[in-house]
Amino acid sequence: MNRLLDLQDKIRTTGAALGKLEAELPLYPQSRGLQSNILSLRRVHHDLEREFAQAADAVGLDVCHYRLLQDRPSAKALADSIHWFQDALAVAYDALRNGPKKIMSVAPAIAAQVELQTAYAYPGSFGIVFTIPNERMLIPDMQSYLDKATETVLALGKAQDSKAPIIEAEHKLGRATIRAIYGWAHANAFHKTGAAVEWRRSDSVRRETIIQAPEFVALSESLDRISRTEEITITPAGTLVGADTKYKTFHFVTVNDEDMRGRFSDVISESQAAQLPGRYIAVLRKTTQISYATEEEKSSYFLEGLESLR
């Protein structure tokens, strides 16, 4: 670990020196000495990055390069993009380990297992390098839960307006994962930036994805439009407090004071009168539309039957 910290410090120092020289280059574009020093520092920086990745691998860490596709992003753009990427990783990882998730809450112990730790920044298009612990499998080609979570998040980030991978992921991992992906896409779309993610282990690049700003916009807008429908039959006990046979609408209040309003067909009519107010067990078809983007639920009710409570 001391070796890792030493390399991290050297990379930061080299990167700072390189950035300073590159800032001076426009002032002295003909300076061969300046150009030579920049090239030399770039080679040193590249070699140090390679050594850092090898040292990280030796202690069970992967290296994640996260780059915003802007030269000078705002602090909020950077913070929002990384925040939602981290959340998406954590929620997908939790869902893969423990089953589909309905809400984005992740236990602290789980979150700690996929926490991105800042190592250093590098010059050029703005980027930050993180380390993250990742299980080493007995068979190199086998994927850990983190590998699968990373693959899922990056693949969904490229989905744009394709519904199939979104629906498949929601079925497998739950709507919380889709909500986190939406947060990541929306943050980048809002700030008009793209992201490049490179996942390394030692000298090998295990996964690499570039998502342009228009792709994030397309994905965000697509998720804003997509919802899924759930339909179940419920039989609450309560009081029928209102019914309109002309417009076929009803008002029912459960014993738990839950207010339900909706429509009916022929459950209540002149030949099949209902007492108002009257205590009943209602047979209701509850249809719920759930937004992929916000997890907002909108429910409607259809009255299919009434059983009198005496």
Protein backbone atom coordinates (compact mmCIF):
# COMPACT_ATOMS: atom_id res chain seq x y z
CA MET A 1 0.00 0.00 0.00
CA ASN A 2 2.94 2.38 0.69
CA ARG A 3 4.09 1.78 -2.89
CA LEU A 4 0.64 2.72 -4.14
CA LEU A 5 0.59 5.96 -2.15
CA ASP A 6 4.09 6.85 -3.31
CA LEU A 7 3.12 6.37 -6.97
CA GLN A 8 -0.08 8.32 -6.42
CA ASP A 9 1.94 11.26 -5.09
CA LYS A 10 4.40 11.09 -8.01
CA ILE A 11 1.56 11.05 -10.53
CA ARG A 12 -0.02 14.10 -8.95
CA THR A 13 3.29 15.98 -8.97
CA THR A 14 4.05 15.03 -12.56
CA GLY A 15 0.53 15.89 -13.66
CA ALA A 16 0.78 19.33 -12.05
CA ALA A 17 4.11 20.02 -13.75
CA LEU A 18 2.76 18.83 -17.08
CA GLY A 19 -0.32 21.01 -16.76
CA LYS A 20 1.84 24.05 -16.03
CA LEU A 21 4.03 23.49 -19.09
CA GLU A 22 1.03 22.86 -21.36
CA ALA A 23 -0.49 26.15 -20.16
CA GLU A 24 2.69 27.94 -21.24
CA LEU A 25 2.86 26.32 -24.69
CA PRO A 26 0.41 28.77 -26.39
CA LEU A 27 2.67 31.62 -25.20
CA TYR A 28 5.82 30.03 -26.67
CA PRO A 29 4.58 27.80 -29.52
CA GLN A 30 7.98 27.71 -31.25
CA SER A 31 9.92 26.64 -28.15
CA ARG A 32 11.46 23.25 -28.88
CA GLY A 33 12.72 22.95 -25.34
CA LEU A 34 9.23 23.42 -23.95
CA GLN A 35 7.79 20.89 -26.40
CA SER A 36 10.55 18.40 -25.53
CA ASN A 37 9.89 18.78 -21.79
CA ILE A 38 6.16 18.24 -22.32
CA LEU A 39 6.77 15.06 -24.30
CA SER A 40 9.19 13.81 -21.66
CA LEU A 41 6.74 14.49 -18.83
CA ARG A 42 3.96 12.77 -20.74
CA ARG A 43 6.09 9.63 -21.03
CA VAL A 44 6.91 9.76 -17.33
CA HIS A 45 3.23 10.28 -16.47
CA HIS A 46 2.20 7.34 -18.67
CA ASP A 47 4.81 5.05 -17.10
CA LEU A 48 3.74 6.06 -13.60
CA GLU A 49 0.09 5.34 -14.44
CA ARG A 50 1.06 1.86 -15.63
CA GLU A 51 3.05 1.21 -12.45
CA PHE A 52 0.16 2.51 -10.36
CA ALA A 53 -2.30 0.11 -12.04
CA GLN A 54 0.06 -2.81 -11.42
CA ALA A 55 0.55 -1.84 -7.76
CA ALA A 56 -3.22 -1.47 -7.31
CA ASP A 57 -3.80 -4.92 -8.79
CA ALA A 58 -1.29 -6.40 -6.33
CA VAL A 59 -3.52 -5.30 -3.42
CA GLY A 60 -6.82 -6.30 -5.06
CA LEU A 61 -7.85 -2.95 -6.50
CA ASP A 62 -9.18 -2.15 -9.95
CA VAL A 63 -8.61 1.30 -11.45
CA CYS A 64 -11.48 3.33 -12.93
CA HIS A 65 -10.76 6.31 -15.18
CA TYR A 66 -13.79 8.60 -15.28
CA ARG A 67 -13.54 11.45 -17.76
CA LEU A 68 -16.05 14.18 -18.50
CA LEU A 69 -16.08 15.18 -22.16
CA GLN A 70 -15.53 18.85 -21.33
CA ASP A 71 -12.24 20.67 -20.83
CA ARG A 72 -13.56 22.86 -18.02
CA PRO A 73 -16.67 21.32 -16.43
CA SER A 74 -18.35 23.10 -13.55
CA ALA A 75 -17.94 21.69 -10.06
CA LYS A 76 -21.64 20.76 -10.02
CA ALA A 77 -21.42 18.98 -13.38
CA LEU A 78 -18.49 16.92 -12.13
CA ALA A 79 -20.06 16.19 -8.74
CA ASP A 80 -23.48 15.26 -10.17
CA SER A 81 -22.05 12.99 -12.86
CA ILE A 82 -19.79 11.05 -10.49
CA HIS A 83 -22.42 10.96 -7.72
CA TRP A 84 -25.01 9.30 -9.96
CA PHE A 85 -22.47 6.95 -11.53
CA GLN A 86 -21.48 5.80 -8.04
CA ASP A 87 -25.14 5.35 -7.04
CA ALA A 88 -25.89 3.38 -10.19
CA LEU A 89 -22.96 1.05 -9.51
CA ALA A 90 -23.98 0.53 -5.88
CA VAL A 91 -27.66 -0.15 -6.63
CA ALA A 92 -26.90 -2.53 -9.53
CA TYR A 93 -24.30 -4.35 -7.39
CA ASP A 94 -26.77 -4.70 -4.50
CA ALA A 95 -29.49 -5.99 -6.85
CA LEU A 96 -27.16 -8.57 -8.41
CA ARG A 97 -26.11 -9.84 -4.99
CA ASN A 98 -29.41 -9.68 -3.14
CA GLY A 99 -32.17 -9.62 -5.74
CA PRO A 100 -34.26 -6.93 -7.49
CA LYS A 101 -34.63 -3.63 -5.65
CA LYS A 102 -37.66 -1.35 -5.56
CA ILE A 103 -36.00 1.55 -3.75
CA MET A 104 -32.53 3.05 -4.13
CA SER A 105 -31.53 2.67 -0.49
CA VAL A 106 -28.30 0.67 -0.14
CA ALA A 107 -27.00 -0.62 3.19
CA PRO A 108 -23.75 1.08 4.32
CA ALA A 109 -21.90 -2.25 4.30
CA ILE A 110 -22.88 -2.86 0.67
CA ALA A 111 -22.09 0.72 -0.37
CA ALA A 112 -18.61 0.43 1.16
CA GLN A 113 -17.84 -2.57 -1.04
CA VAL A 114 -18.24 -0.52 -4.24
CA GLU A 115 -17.04 2.88 -3.06
CA LEU A 116 -14.88 4.72 -5.57
CA GLN A 117 -11.77 6.13 -3.88
CA THR A 118 -10.11 9.14 -5.50
CA ALA A 119 -6.52 8.48 -6.58
CA TYR A 120 -5.56 11.39 -8.82
CA ALA A 121 -6.72 13.65 -11.64
CA TYR A 122 -4.99 13.96 -14.98
CA PRO A 123 -4.58 16.72 -17.56
CA GLY A 124 -6.40 16.99 -20.86
CA SER A 125 -10.17 16.48 -21.06
CA PHE A 126 -11.00 16.54 -17.40
CA GLY A 127 -10.80 13.17 -15.69
CA ILE A 128 -10.44 11.57 -12.29
CA VAL A 129 -8.90 8.21 -11.53
CA PHE A 130 -10.44 6.07 -8.82
CA THR A 131 -9.50 2.81 -7.18
CA ILE A 132 -12.09 0.25 -6.13
CA PRO A 133 -11.72 -3.19 -4.51
CA ASN A 134 -12.81 -6.04 -6.74
CA GLU A 135 -12.93 -9.75 -6.03
CA ARG A 136 -10.32 -11.82 -7.87
CA MET A 137 -11.96 -14.92 -9.31
CA LEU A 138 -10.26 -18.33 -9.55
CA ILE A 139 -10.99 -18.38 -13.29
CA PRO A 140 -9.83 -15.09 -14.88
CA ASP A 141 -12.72 -14.94 -17.35
CA MET A 142 -15.34 -15.24 -14.60
CA GLN A 143 -17.06 -12.02 -13.62
CA SER A 144 -17.44 -10.77 -10.06
CA TYR A 145 -20.63 -9.02 -8.94
CA LEU A 146 -18.84 -5.69 -9.44
CA ASP A 147 -17.81 -6.68 -12.97
CA LYS A 148 -21.44 -7.50 -13.78
CA ALA A 149 -22.70 -4.29 -12.18
CA THR A 150 -20.21 -2.20 -14.16
CA GLU A 151 -21.12 -3.97 -17.39
CA THR A 152 -24.83 -3.40 -16.71
CA VAL A 153 -24.48 0.31 -15.89
CA LEU A 154 -22.30 1.08 -18.90
CA ALA A 155 -24.51 -0.92 -21.27
CA LEU A 156 -27.66 0.84 -20.03
CA GLY A 157 -25.88 4.18 -20.36
CA LYS A 158 -25.66 3.48 -24.11
CA ALA A 159 -29.29 2.33 -24.43
CA GLN A 160 -30.59 5.73 -25.68
CA ASP A 161 -34.22 5.10 -26.79
CA SER A 162 -34.03 1.30 -26.89
CA LYS A 163 -36.69 -0.11 -24.55
CA ALA A 164 -35.64 -3.78 -24.61
CA PRO A 165 -32.49 -3.54 -22.43
CA ILE A 166 -34.27 -1.20 -20.00
CA ILE A 167 -37.21 -3.56 -19.54
CA GLU A 168 -34.89 -6.57 -19.22
CA ALA A 169 -32.76 -4.84 -16.60
CA GLU A 170 -35.84 -3.69 -14.66
CA HIS A 171 -37.17 -7.24 -14.59
CA LYS A 172 -33.82 -8.65 -13.44
CA LEU A 173 -32.57 -5.93 -11.09
CA GLY A 174 -35.66 -3.95 -10.12
CA ARG A 175 -36.80 -0.42 -10.80
CA ALA A 176 -34.30 1.15 -8.37
CA THR A 177 -31.46 0.34 -10.77
CA ILE A 178 -33.34 2.02 -13.62
CA ARG A 179 -34.01 5.04 -11.40
CA ALA A 180 -30.27 5.34 -10.67
CA ILE A 181 -29.41 5.02 -14.37
CA TYR A 182 -31.94 7.76 -15.09
CA GLY A 183 -30.27 9.96 -12.48
CA TRP A 184 -26.89 9.45 -14.16
CA ALA A 185 -28.25 10.14 -17.64
CA HIS A 186 -30.29 13.15 -16.51
CA ALA A 187 -27.35 14.74 -14.66
CA ASN A 188 -25.09 14.54 -17.71
CA ALA A 189 -27.88 15.62 -20.07
CA PHE A 190 -28.66 18.62 -17.86
CA HIS A 191 -25.01 19.73 -17.83
CA LYS A 192 -24.61 18.96 -21.56
CA THR A 193 -21.64 16.68 -21.04
CA GLY A 194 -20.66 13.17 -21.98
CA ALA A 195 -18.56 10.68 -20.05
CA ALA A 196 -15.80 8.23 -20.87
CA VAL A 197 -15.28 5.34 -18.46
CA GLU A 198 -12.26 3.05 -18.63
CA TRP A 199 -11.97 0.12 -16.22
CA ARG A 200 -8.47 -1.28 -15.80
CA ARG A 201 -6.81 -4.12 -13.99
CA SER A 202 -3.03 -3.99 -14.09
CA ASP A 203 -2.02 -3.49 -17.75
CA SER A 204 -5.32 -4.58 -19.28
CA VAL A 205 -8.39 -2.49 -20.06
CA ARG A 206 -11.28 -4.68 -18.97
CA ARG A 207 -14.05 -2.36 -20.10
CA GLU A 208 -14.20 0.94 -21.96
CA THR A 209 -17.24 3.04 -22.87
CA ILE A 210 -17.73 6.54 -24.25
CA ILE A 211 -21.19 8.06 -23.90
CA GLN A 212 -21.67 11.36 -25.70
CA ALA A 213 -23.94 14.09 -24.35
CA PRO A 214 -26.65 13.48 -27.02
CA GLU A 215 -26.76 9.81 -25.97
CA PHE A 216 -27.41 10.81 -22.36
CA VAL A 217 -30.12 13.20 -23.57
CA ALA A 218 -31.80 10.46 -25.61
CA LEU A 219 -31.70 8.02 -22.70
CA SER A 220 -33.01 10.58 -20.21
CA GLU A 221 -35.90 11.57 -22.47
CA SER A 222 -36.70 7.94 -23.25
CA LEU A 223 -36.90 7.02 -19.56
CA ASP A 224 -39.09 10.06 -18.95
CA ARG A 225 -41.62 8.54 -21.35
CA ILE A 226 -41.43 4.87 -20.41
CA SER A 227 -43.61 3.38 -17.70
CA ARG A 228 -44.77 -0.10 -16.85
CA THR A 229 -48.18 -1.27 -15.74
CA GLU A 230 -49.02 -3.61 -12.88
CA GLU A 231 -52.52 -4.99 -12.41
CA ILE A 232 -53.76 -6.84 -9.33
CA THR A 233 -57.08 -7.66 -7.69
CA ILE A 234 -57.62 -6.46 -4.12
CA THR A 235 -60.52 -7.04 -1.73
CA PRO A 236 -60.54 -4.32 0.94
CA ALA A 237 -63.29 -3.96 3.52
CA GLY A 238 -64.82 -0.55 4.03
CA THR A 239 -67.70 1.77 3.23
CA LEU A 240 -69.18 2.60 -0.14
CA VAL A 241 -69.88 6.31 0.33
CA GLY A 242 -70.79 7.31 -3.20
CA ALA A 243 -71.84 5.95 -6.61
CA ASP A 244 -73.05 7.58 -9.82
CA THR A 245 -74.95 5.19 -12.11
CA LYS A 246 -74.98 7.72 -14.97
CA TYR A 247 -71.21 8.29 -15.13
CA LYS A 248 -70.35 4.87 -13.65
CA THR A 249 -68.09 6.23 -10.91
CA PHE A 250 -67.75 5.20 -7.27
CA HIS A 251 -66.16 6.36 -4.02
CA PHE A 252 -65.01 3.77 -1.45
CA VAL A 253 -63.25 4.31 1.89
CA THR A 254 -61.45 1.33 3.43
CA VAL A 255 -61.40 0.47 7.12
CA ASN A 256 -57.85 1.95 7.13
CA ASP A 257 -59.25 5.26 5.79
CA GLU A 258 -57.72 4.76 2.35
CA ASP A 259 -59.71 6.75 -0.18
CA MET A 260 -60.44 4.90 -3.46
CA ARG A 261 -62.26 6.33 -6.43
CA GLY A 262 -62.78 4.80 -9.83
CA ARG A 263 -65.22 3.36 -12.32
CA PHE A 264 -67.54 0.38 -12.59
CA SER A 265 -69.61 -1.33 -15.26
CA ASP A 266 -72.72 -3.15 -14.04
CA VAL A 267 -71.94 -3.87 -10.38
CA ILE A 268 -74.32 -1.09 -9.34
CA SER A 269 -77.50 -0.38 -11.32
CA GLU A 270 -81.25 0.11 -10.91
CA SER A 271 -81.71 -3.65 -10.82
CA GLN A 272 -78.66 -4.18 -8.62
CA ALA A 273 -78.87 -1.41 -6.06
CA ALA A 274 -76.23 -0.68 -3.45
CA GLN A 275 -76.76 0.90 -0.07
CA LEU A 276 -75.21 4.35 0.43
CA PRO A 277 -73.45 4.54 2.71
CA GLY A 278 -72.99 0.80 3.02
CA ARG A 279 -70.35 -1.49 4.46
CA TYR A 280 -68.91 -3.91 1.91
CA ILE A 281 -65.98 -6.00 0.86
CA ALA A 282 -65.11 -4.51 -2.53
CA VAL A 283 -63.54 -6.51 -5.33
CA LEU A 284 -61.31 -3.98 -7.06
CA ARG A 285 -59.00 -4.27 -10.05
CA LYS A 286 -56.11 -1.97 -9.21
CA THR A 287 -54.01 -0.78 -12.16
CA THR A 288 -50.74 0.99 -11.33
CA GLN A 289 -48.52 2.83 -13.77
CA ILE A 290 -44.93 3.16 -12.56
CA SER A 291 -42.55 5.67 -14.14
CA TYR A 292 -39.11 4.24 -14.93
CA ALA A 293 -37.57 7.66 -14.43
CA THR A 294 -39.06 8.86 -11.14
CA GLU A 295 -40.56 5.69 -9.63
CA GLU A 296 -43.80 7.69 -9.29
CA GLU A 297 -46.87 5.46 -9.06
CA LYS A 298 -50.34 6.37 -10.35
CA SER A 299 -53.13 3.96 -9.47
CA SER A 300 -56.67 3.61 -10.82
CA TYR A 301 -59.49 1.33 -9.62
CA PHE A 302 -62.26 -0.58 -11.33
CA LEU A 303 -65.05 -1.98 -9.15
CA GLU A 304 -65.82 -5.57 -10.12
CA GLY A 305 -67.93 -6.71 -7.16
CA LEU A 306 -69.44 -5.91 -3.77
CA GLU A 307 -70.05 -8.28 -0.87
CA SER A 308 -72.19 -6.93 1.94
CA LEU A 309 -70.72 -6.77 5.43
CA ARG A 310 -73.34 -7.34 8.05
